[in-house]
Amino acid sequence: MQYQSSGRHGLILSALGLDFRASARSGLGRGAVRELLAEVVDSGINYFHTRTAAADADMQRLLGELISDLHLPRDAYCLGAQLGAATTERPWPTQRGLSRKALRESCDQTLRRLDVEYLDLVFCEAGDPATPLAETLLAMDDLIRQGKVLYWGLTGWSAAGVAAVQELAALESRRAPIMQQQTLLSPAADPAQPYREALSQLAEWTGLRADGQPATAAAVHEVLTRTDLGSLIVPCRQPKELAGWLDCLPAPV
């Protein structure tokens, strides 16, 4: 496995990160998912990605249990979560979005489910026009000061949205997001093209997702050889799929 730091920050992440939702929904039994996670860890992957949506609550609990089963030391791996989605199936207005209250509650629920004291990475989802950006920045400042979150970023935001957050953070002396997560959808097109506009606005680390249509090995290889694109978060439903992702890694220099 190859590793690199996140932009100008010291967090070292593996070139591949695990989207645990796919593993949890693979149809495998608990024991098989545990074995799969053990293989993921043995491969050198040190980042596990989760979501806080209501449908993913059991997935987060399972990941927390399996990490405990495998006796993984907390300082050896990184946990990430997407915040902003509704945390219950029939949410009240305060149970979704990027308000100070919603983000705090969502983060606390995630910590309880995973049975950890802090999250390494938190991604704020786009799509909450009702909450001012200043409030979201303040909320993330709070969570970082409280030690519940170490770094934060954005997911699904436009380049203009990323720029607006960065500008306001500088203006108000708040902690700015260090990453912008995008989705790798089409294996046919230039894999780097969808991210260039966002990267021009956010000169830091960018996490990518390999959702949607499966990416070709050539496309994944191209993404992983670009140091400005950071870690590729991949689904893994069985050992064969993990082996396929590992085969996409560039050869060590």
C-alpha atoms as a PDB file:
ATOM      1  CA  MET A   1       0.000   0.000   0.000  1.00  0.00           C
ATOM      2  CA  GLN A   2       1.082   3.548  -0.695  1.00  0.00           C
ATOM      3  CA  TYR A   3       0.447   6.488   1.607  1.00  0.00           C
ATOM      4  CA  GLN A   4       0.522  10.252   1.362  1.00  0.00           C
ATOM      5  CA  SER A   5      -0.196  13.270   3.519  1.00  0.00           C
ATOM      6  CA  SER A   6      -3.387  15.301   3.135  1.00  0.00           C
ATOM      7  CA  GLY A   7      -2.216  18.485   1.467  1.00  0.00           C
ATOM      8  CA  ARG A   8      -0.354  20.738   3.890  1.00  0.00           C
ATOM      9  CA  HIS A   9      -1.576  18.667   6.826  1.00  0.00           C
ATOM     10  CA  GLY A  10       0.129  15.779   8.561  1.00  0.00           C
ATOM     11  CA  LEU A  11      -2.622  13.164   8.335  1.00  0.00           C
ATOM     12  CA  ILE A  12      -1.249  10.171   6.394  1.00  0.00           C
ATOM     13  CA  LEU A  13      -3.846   8.184   4.466  1.00  0.00           C
ATOM     14  CA  SER A  14      -3.611   5.073   2.309  1.00  0.00           C
ATOM     15  CA  ALA A  15      -4.014   5.494  -1.452  1.00  0.00           C
ATOM     16  CA  LEU A  16      -7.205   3.430  -1.162  1.00  0.00           C
ATOM     17  CA  GLY A  17      -9.869   3.979   1.487  1.00  0.00           C
ATOM     18  CA  LEU A  18     -12.730   1.592   2.292  1.00  0.00           C
ATOM     19  CA  ASP A  19     -16.369   2.590   1.777  1.00  0.00           C
ATOM     20  CA  PHE A  20     -17.738   0.333   4.519  1.00  0.00           C
ATOM     21  CA  ARG A  21     -21.358   0.774   3.412  1.00  0.00           C
ATOM     22  CA  ALA A  22     -20.752  -1.539   0.435  1.00  0.00           C
ATOM     23  CA  SER A  23     -19.127  -4.157   2.667  1.00  0.00           C
ATOM     24  CA  ALA A  24     -21.961  -4.045   5.192  1.00  0.00           C
ATOM     25  CA  ARG A  25     -24.602  -4.359   2.438  1.00  0.00           C
ATOM     26  CA  SER A  26     -22.794  -7.089   0.523  1.00  0.00           C
ATOM     27  CA  GLY A  27     -25.147  -9.820   1.723  1.00  0.00           C
ATOM     28  CA  LEU A  28     -22.315 -11.545   3.566  1.00  0.00           C
ATOM     29  CA  GLY A  29     -22.794 -12.727   7.126  1.00  0.00           C
ATOM     30  CA  ARG A  30     -21.142 -10.948  10.035  1.00  0.00           C
ATOM     31  CA  GLY A  31     -18.276 -13.420  10.142  1.00  0.00           C
ATOM     32  CA  ALA A  32     -17.549 -13.020   6.435  1.00  0.00           C
ATOM     33  CA  VAL A  33     -17.630  -9.221   6.695  1.00  0.00           C
ATOM     34  CA  ARG A  34     -15.223  -9.462   9.634  1.00  0.00           C
ATOM     35  CA  GLU A  35     -12.837 -11.579   7.541  1.00  0.00           C
ATOM     36  CA  LEU A  36     -13.148  -9.114   4.671  1.00  0.00           C
ATOM     37  CA  LEU A  37     -12.325  -6.175   6.952  1.00  0.00           C
ATOM     38  CA  ALA A  38      -9.333  -8.114   8.281  1.00  0.00           C
ATOM     39  CA  GLU A  39      -8.084  -8.559   4.701  1.00  0.00           C
ATOM     40  CA  VAL A  40      -8.612  -4.852   4.044  1.00  0.00           C
ATOM     41  CA  VAL A  41      -6.508  -4.003   7.095  1.00  0.00           C
ATOM     42  CA  ASP A  42      -3.835  -6.528   6.108  1.00  0.00           C
ATOM     43  CA  SER A  43      -3.638  -4.860   2.675  1.00  0.00           C
ATOM     44  CA  GLY A  44      -2.553  -1.631   4.369  1.00  0.00           C
ATOM     45  CA  ILE A  45      -5.774   0.381   3.972  1.00  0.00           C
ATOM     46  CA  ASN A  46      -6.019   2.696   6.973  1.00  0.00           C
ATOM     47  CA  TYR A  47      -9.139   4.769   6.190  1.00  0.00           C
ATOM     48  CA  PHE A  48     -12.744   3.596   6.705  1.00  0.00           C
ATOM     49  CA  HIS A  49     -15.544   5.789   5.374  1.00  0.00           C
ATOM     50  CA  THR A  50     -19.108   5.843   6.767  1.00  0.00           C
ATOM     51  CA  ARG A  51     -22.317   7.876   6.574  1.00  0.00           C
ATOM     52  CA  THR A  52     -24.640   9.154   9.295  1.00  0.00           C
ATOM     53  CA  ALA A  53     -27.905   8.728   7.366  1.00  0.00           C
ATOM     54  CA  ALA A  54     -30.652   6.805   9.163  1.00  0.00           C
ATOM     55  CA  ALA A  55     -30.285   3.829   6.807  1.00  0.00           C
ATOM     56  CA  ASP A  56     -26.606   3.532   7.736  1.00  0.00           C
ATOM     57  CA  ALA A  57     -26.901   3.463  11.527  1.00  0.00           C
ATOM     58  CA  ASP A  58     -26.531  -0.318  11.754  1.00  0.00           C
ATOM     59  CA  MET A  59     -23.586  -0.145   9.354  1.00  0.00           C
ATOM     60  CA  GLN A  60     -21.725   2.189  11.701  1.00  0.00           C
ATOM     61  CA  ARG A  61     -22.468  -0.025  14.694  1.00  0.00           C
ATOM     62  CA  LEU A  62     -21.196  -3.072  12.816  1.00  0.00           C
ATOM     63  CA  LEU A  63     -17.967  -1.328  11.864  1.00  0.00           C
ATOM     64  CA  GLY A  64     -17.395  -0.314  15.470  1.00  0.00           C
ATOM     65  CA  GLU A  65     -17.966  -3.882  16.649  1.00  0.00           C
ATOM     66  CA  LEU A  66     -15.658  -5.386  14.014  1.00  0.00           C
ATOM     67  CA  ILE A  67     -12.866  -2.919  14.771  1.00  0.00           C
ATOM     68  CA  SER A  68     -13.148  -3.978  18.398  1.00  0.00           C
ATOM     69  CA  ASP A  69     -13.175  -7.679  17.423  1.00  0.00           C
ATOM     70  CA  LEU A  70      -9.981  -7.198  15.427  1.00  0.00           C
ATOM     71  CA  HIS A  71      -8.321  -5.297  18.298  1.00  0.00           C
ATOM     72  CA  LEU A  72      -7.212  -2.494  16.005  1.00  0.00           C
ATOM     73  CA  PRO A  73      -5.351   0.246  17.920  1.00  0.00           C
ATOM     74  CA  ARG A  74      -7.152   3.575  17.509  1.00  0.00           C
ATOM     75  CA  ASP A  75      -3.969   5.374  16.474  1.00  0.00           C
ATOM     76  CA  ALA A  76      -3.420   2.966  13.553  1.00  0.00           C
ATOM     77  CA  TYR A  77      -6.512   3.758  11.460  1.00  0.00           C
ATOM     78  CA  CYS A  78      -8.677   6.718  10.440  1.00  0.00           C
ATOM     79  CA  LEU A  79     -12.463   6.979  10.548  1.00  0.00           C
ATOM     80  CA  GLY A  80     -14.521   9.322   8.416  1.00  0.00           C
ATOM     81  CA  ALA A  81     -18.205  10.171   8.228  1.00  0.00           C
ATOM     82  CA  GLN A  82     -20.525  12.217   6.029  1.00  0.00           C
ATOM     83  CA  LEU A  83     -22.783  14.554   7.991  1.00  0.00           C
ATOM     84  CA  GLY A  84     -25.889  16.370   6.812  1.00  0.00           C
ATOM     85  CA  ALA A  85     -28.315  13.610   5.852  1.00  0.00           C
ATOM     86  CA  ALA A  86     -31.424  12.877   7.907  1.00  0.00           C
ATOM     87  CA  THR A  87     -30.551  10.795  10.960  1.00  0.00           C
ATOM     88  CA  THR A  88     -34.001   9.183  11.306  1.00  0.00           C
ATOM     89  CA  GLU A  89     -36.449   7.767   8.773  1.00  0.00           C
ATOM     90  CA  ARG A  90     -39.051  10.456   9.568  1.00  0.00           C
ATOM     91  CA  PRO A  91     -36.867  13.387  10.635  1.00  0.00           C
ATOM     92  CA  TRP A  92     -37.857  16.514  12.456  1.00  0.00           C
ATOM     93  CA  PRO A  93     -36.458  19.703  10.909  1.00  0.00           C
ATOM     94  CA  THR A  94     -33.523  19.693  13.357  1.00  0.00           C
ATOM     95  CA  GLN A  95     -32.529  16.121  12.476  1.00  0.00           C
ATOM     96  CA  ARG A  96     -30.954  16.925   9.119  1.00  0.00           C
ATOM     97  CA  GLY A  97     -28.803  19.573   7.472  1.00  0.00           C
ATOM     98  CA  LEU A  98     -25.722  21.551   8.462  1.00  0.00           C
ATOM     99  CA  SER A  99     -26.989  23.653  11.365  1.00  0.00           C
ATOM    100  CA  ARG A 100     -24.957  23.808  14.551  1.00  0.00           C
ATOM    101  CA  LYS A 101     -27.457  21.580  16.350  1.00  0.00           C
ATOM    102  CA  ALA A 102     -27.816  19.045  13.544  1.00  0.00           C
ATOM    103  CA  LEU A 103     -24.075  18.657  13.087  1.00  0.00           C
ATOM    104  CA  ARG A 104     -23.418  18.253  16.797  1.00  0.00           C
ATOM    105  CA  GLU A 105     -26.158  15.642  17.234  1.00  0.00           C
ATOM    106  CA  SER A 106     -25.136  13.775  14.094  1.00  0.00           C
ATOM    107  CA  CYS A 107     -21.499  13.692  15.176  1.00  0.00           C
ATOM    108  CA  ASP A 108     -22.383  12.499  18.686  1.00  0.00           C
ATOM    109  CA  GLN A 109     -24.585   9.718  17.310  1.00  0.00           C
ATOM    110  CA  THR A 110     -21.780   8.581  15.024  1.00  0.00           C
ATOM    111  CA  LEU A 111     -19.287   8.488  17.895  1.00  0.00           C
ATOM    112  CA  ARG A 112     -21.677   6.363  19.970  1.00  0.00           C
ATOM    113  CA  ARG A 113     -22.355   3.930  17.125  1.00  0.00           C
ATOM    114  CA  LEU A 114     -18.697   3.491  16.263  1.00  0.00           C
ATOM    115  CA  ASP A 115     -17.760   3.461  19.966  1.00  0.00           C
ATOM    116  CA  VAL A 116     -14.873   5.905  19.529  1.00  0.00           C
ATOM    117  CA  GLU A 117     -13.983   9.238  21.115  1.00  0.00           C
ATOM    118  CA  TYR A 118     -13.265  11.167  17.922  1.00  0.00           C
ATOM    119  CA  LEU A 119     -13.535  11.116  14.122  1.00  0.00           C
ATOM    120  CA  ASP A 120     -10.488  11.752  11.986  1.00  0.00           C
ATOM    121  CA  LEU A 121     -12.440  13.167   9.042  1.00  0.00           C
ATOM    122  CA  VAL A 122     -15.909  14.646   8.691  1.00  0.00           C
ATOM    123  CA  PHE A 123     -17.482  15.583   5.359  1.00  0.00           C
ATOM    124  CA  CYS A 124     -20.370  18.070   5.266  1.00  0.00           C
ATOM    125  CA  GLU A 125     -22.826  17.199   2.510  1.00  0.00           C
ATOM    126  CA  ALA A 126     -24.069  19.877   0.145  1.00  0.00           C
ATOM    127  CA  GLY A 127     -27.766  20.656   0.023  1.00  0.00           C
ATOM    128  CA  ASP A 128     -28.747  22.794   3.038  1.00  0.00           C
ATOM    129  CA  PRO A 129     -29.523  26.284   1.723  1.00  0.00           C
ATOM    130  CA  ALA A 130     -31.441  27.119   4.916  1.00  0.00           C
ATOM    131  CA  THR A 131     -28.295  27.186   7.061  1.00  0.00           C
ATOM    132  CA  PRO A 132     -25.837  30.087   6.615  1.00  0.00           C
ATOM    133  CA  LEU A 133     -22.284  29.055   5.798  1.00  0.00           C
ATOM    134  CA  ALA A 134     -21.096  31.010   8.833  1.00  0.00           C
ATOM    135  CA  GLU A 135     -23.107  28.726  11.117  1.00  0.00           C
ATOM    136  CA  THR A 136     -21.693  25.561   9.539  1.00  0.00           C
ATOM    137  CA  LEU A 137     -18.164  26.923   9.928  1.00  0.00           C
ATOM    138  CA  LEU A 138     -18.851  27.726  13.577  1.00  0.00           C
ATOM    139  CA  ALA A 139     -20.273  24.248  14.158  1.00  0.00           C
ATOM    140  CA  MET A 140     -17.185  22.575  12.711  1.00  0.00           C
ATOM    141  CA  ASP A 141     -14.957  24.880  14.769  1.00  0.00           C
ATOM    142  CA  ASP A 142     -16.855  23.747  17.872  1.00  0.00           C
ATOM    143  CA  LEU A 143     -16.454  20.045  17.075  1.00  0.00           C
ATOM    144  CA  ILE A 144     -12.741  20.412  16.411  1.00  0.00           C
ATOM    145  CA  ARG A 145     -12.143  22.423  19.600  1.00  0.00           C
ATOM    146  CA  GLN A 146     -14.062  19.806  21.589  1.00  0.00           C
ATOM    147  CA  GLY A 147     -11.785  17.081  20.220  1.00  0.00           C
ATOM    148  CA  LYS A 148     -14.624  15.206  18.523  1.00  0.00           C
ATOM    149  CA  VAL A 149     -13.310  15.870  15.004  1.00  0.00           C
ATOM    150  CA  LEU A 150      -9.723  16.328  13.790  1.00  0.00           C
ATOM    151  CA  TYR A 151     -10.222  17.479  10.174  1.00  0.00           C
ATOM    152  CA  TRP A 152     -13.227  18.368   8.068  1.00  0.00           C
ATOM    153  CA  GLY A 153     -14.132  18.696   4.435  1.00  0.00           C
ATOM    154  CA  LEU A 154     -16.950  18.965   1.918  1.00  0.00           C
ATOM    155  CA  THR A 155     -18.731  16.436  -0.269  1.00  0.00           C
ATOM    156  CA  GLY A 156     -20.841  17.119  -3.334  1.00  0.00           C
ATOM    157  CA  TRP A 157     -20.214  20.871  -3.325  1.00  0.00           C
ATOM    158  CA  SER A 158     -19.722  22.865  -6.493  1.00  0.00           C
ATOM    159  CA  ALA A 159     -16.462  24.676  -7.139  1.00  0.00           C
ATOM    160  CA  ALA A 160     -18.253  27.963  -6.387  1.00  0.00           C
ATOM    161  CA  GLY A 161     -19.529  26.552  -3.105  1.00  0.00           C
ATOM    162  CA  VAL A 162     -16.070  25.366  -2.108  1.00  0.00           C
ATOM    163  CA  ALA A 163     -14.625  28.795  -2.897  1.00  0.00           C
ATOM    164  CA  ALA A 164     -17.340  30.520  -0.837  1.00  0.00           C
ATOM    165  CA  VAL A 165     -16.605  28.352   2.203  1.00  0.00           C
ATOM    166  CA  GLN A 166     -12.857  28.923   1.906  1.00  0.00           C
ATOM    167  CA  GLU A 167     -13.293  32.679   1.562  1.00  0.00           C
ATOM    168  CA  LEU A 168     -15.650  32.967   4.531  1.00  0.00           C
ATOM    169  CA  ALA A 169     -13.413  30.788   6.708  1.00  0.00           C
ATOM    170  CA  ALA A 170     -10.480  33.098   6.018  1.00  0.00           C
ATOM    171  CA  LEU A 171     -12.609  36.186   6.639  1.00  0.00           C
ATOM    172  CA  GLU A 172     -13.951  34.916   9.977  1.00  0.00           C
ATOM    173  CA  SER A 173     -10.735  33.152  11.063  1.00  0.00           C
ATOM    174  CA  ARG A 174     -12.456  29.761  11.199  1.00  0.00           C
ATOM    175  CA  ARG A 175     -10.959  26.370  10.447  1.00  0.00           C
ATOM    176  CA  ALA A 176     -11.353  25.835   6.724  1.00  0.00           C
ATOM    177  CA  PRO A 177     -12.121  22.470   5.129  1.00  0.00           C
ATOM    178  CA  ILE A 178      -8.980  20.675   4.028  1.00  0.00           C
ATOM    179  CA  MET A 179     -10.631  18.360   1.511  1.00  0.00           C
ATOM    180  CA  GLN A 180     -13.311  18.223  -1.158  1.00  0.00           C
ATOM    181  CA  GLN A 181     -14.760  14.794  -1.861  1.00  0.00           C
ATOM    182  CA  GLN A 182     -15.963  14.082  -5.392  1.00  0.00           C
ATOM    183  CA  THR A 183     -17.311  11.014  -7.163  1.00  0.00           C
ATOM    184  CA  LEU A 184     -15.587   9.058  -9.911  1.00  0.00           C
ATOM    185  CA  LEU A 185     -18.490   7.992 -12.138  1.00  0.00           C
ATOM    186  CA  SER A 186     -17.457   7.456 -15.733  1.00  0.00           C
ATOM    187  CA  PRO A 187     -14.554   5.166 -16.640  1.00  0.00           C
ATOM    188  CA  ALA A 188     -14.653   6.356 -20.235  1.00  0.00           C
ATOM    189  CA  ALA A 189     -13.784  10.012 -19.677  1.00  0.00           C
ATOM    190  CA  ASP A 190     -10.585  11.560 -18.376  1.00  0.00           C
ATOM    191  CA  PRO A 191     -10.785  10.541 -14.680  1.00  0.00           C
ATOM    192  CA  ALA A 192      -9.200  13.757 -13.471  1.00  0.00           C
ATOM    193  CA  GLN A 193     -11.400  16.173 -15.424  1.00  0.00           C
ATOM    194  CA  PRO A 194     -14.385  16.360 -13.016  1.00  0.00           C
ATOM    195  CA  TYR A 195     -12.127  17.531 -10.205  1.00  0.00           C
ATOM    196  CA  ARG A 196      -9.961  20.144 -11.876  1.00  0.00           C
ATOM    197  CA  GLU A 197     -12.355  23.040 -11.315  1.00  0.00           C
ATOM    198  CA  ALA A 198     -12.802  22.198  -7.650  1.00  0.00           C
ATOM    199  CA  LEU A 199      -9.075  21.708  -7.197  1.00  0.00           C
ATOM    200  CA  SER A 200      -8.417  25.131  -8.626  1.00  0.00           C
ATOM    201  CA  GLN A 201     -10.515  26.536  -5.787  1.00  0.00           C
ATOM    202  CA  LEU A 202      -9.349  24.183  -3.044  1.00  0.00           C
ATOM    203  CA  ALA A 203      -5.582  23.736  -3.232  1.00  0.00           C
ATOM    204  CA  GLU A 204      -5.511  20.967  -0.675  1.00  0.00           C
ATOM    205  CA  TRP A 205      -6.256  17.251  -0.553  1.00  0.00           C
ATOM    206  CA  THR A 206      -9.179  15.813  -2.501  1.00  0.00           C
ATOM    207  CA  GLY A 207     -10.790  12.494  -1.657  1.00  0.00           C
ATOM    208  CA  LEU A 208     -12.457  10.685  -4.525  1.00  0.00           C
ATOM    209  CA  ARG A 209     -15.216   8.086  -4.528  1.00  0.00           C
ATOM    210  CA  ALA A 210     -15.475   5.152  -6.893  1.00  0.00           C
ATOM    211  CA  ASP A 211     -19.267   4.850  -6.829  1.00  0.00           C
ATOM    212  CA  GLY A 212     -21.596   4.345  -9.735  1.00  0.00           C
ATOM    213  CA  GLN A 213     -20.301   2.598 -12.826  1.00  0.00           C
ATOM    214  CA  PRO A 214     -17.183   0.538 -12.100  1.00  0.00           C
ATOM    215  CA  ALA A 215     -14.020   2.354 -13.060  1.00  0.00           C
ATOM    216  CA  THR A 216     -11.478   0.714 -15.310  1.00  0.00           C
ATOM    217  CA  ALA A 217      -8.072  -0.179 -13.945  1.00  0.00           C
ATOM    218  CA  ALA A 218      -6.496   2.391 -16.249  1.00  0.00           C
ATOM    219  CA  ALA A 219      -8.753   5.166 -14.930  1.00  0.00           C
ATOM    220  CA  VAL A 220      -8.130   4.250 -11.307  1.00  0.00           C
ATOM    221  CA  HIS A 221      -4.396   3.999 -11.958  1.00  0.00           C
ATOM    222  CA  GLU A 222      -4.440   7.496 -13.461  1.00  0.00           C
ATOM    223  CA  VAL A 223      -6.229   8.899 -10.417  1.00  0.00           C
ATOM    224  CA  LEU A 224      -3.883   7.215  -7.968  1.00  0.00           C
ATOM    225  CA  THR A 225      -0.759   8.483  -9.717  1.00  0.00           C
ATOM    226  CA  ARG A 226      -1.864  12.099  -9.212  1.00  0.00           C
ATOM    227  CA  THR A 227      -0.686  13.199  -5.787  1.00  0.00           C
ATOM    228  CA  ASP A 228      -3.089  16.154  -5.740  1.00  0.00           C
ATOM    229  CA  LEU A 229      -6.099  13.832  -5.834  1.00  0.00           C
ATOM    230  CA  GLY A 230      -5.372  11.980  -2.607  1.00  0.00           C
ATOM    231  CA  SER A 231      -7.141   8.816  -1.463  1.00  0.00           C
ATOM    232  CA  LEU A 232      -9.663   6.898  -3.568  1.00  0.00           C
ATOM    233  CA  ILE A 233     -12.547   5.618  -1.432  1.00  0.00           C
ATOM    234  CA  VAL A 234     -13.648   2.309  -2.907  1.00  0.00           C
ATOM    235  CA  PRO A 235     -16.458  -0.211  -2.324  1.00  0.00           C
ATOM    236  CA  CYS A 236     -15.411  -3.718  -1.387  1.00  0.00           C
ATOM    237  CA  ARG A 237     -17.996  -6.497  -1.160  1.00  0.00           C
ATOM    238  CA  GLN A 238     -15.747  -9.558  -1.396  1.00  0.00           C
ATOM    239  CA  PRO A 239     -12.040 -10.461  -1.354  1.00  0.00           C
ATOM    240  CA  LYS A 240     -11.952 -10.664  -5.164  1.00  0.00           C
ATOM    241  CA  GLU A 241     -13.079  -7.044  -5.416  1.00  0.00           C
ATOM    242  CA  LEU A 242     -10.417  -5.977  -2.929  1.00  0.00           C
ATOM    243  CA  ALA A 243      -7.780  -7.758  -5.000  1.00  0.00           C
ATOM    244  CA  GLY A 244      -8.996  -5.901  -8.081  1.00  0.00           C
ATOM    245  CA  TRP A 245      -8.572  -2.519  -6.404  1.00  0.00           C
ATOM    246  CA  LEU A 246      -5.116  -3.451  -5.142  1.00  0.00           C
ATOM    247  CA  ASP A 247      -4.100  -4.441  -8.672  1.00  0.00           C
ATOM    248  CA  CYS A 248      -4.904  -0.858  -9.760  1.00  0.00           C
ATOM    249  CA  LEU A 249      -2.262   0.629  -7.480  1.00  0.00           C
ATOM    250  CA  PRO A 250       0.688   2.195  -9.308  1.00  0.00           C
ATOM    251  CA  ALA A 251       3.967   0.353  -9.034  1.00  0.00           C
ATOM    252  CA  PRO A 252       6.219   1.706  -6.237  1.00  0.00           C
ATOM    253  CA  VAL A 253       8.762   4.226  -7.440  1.00  0.00           C
END
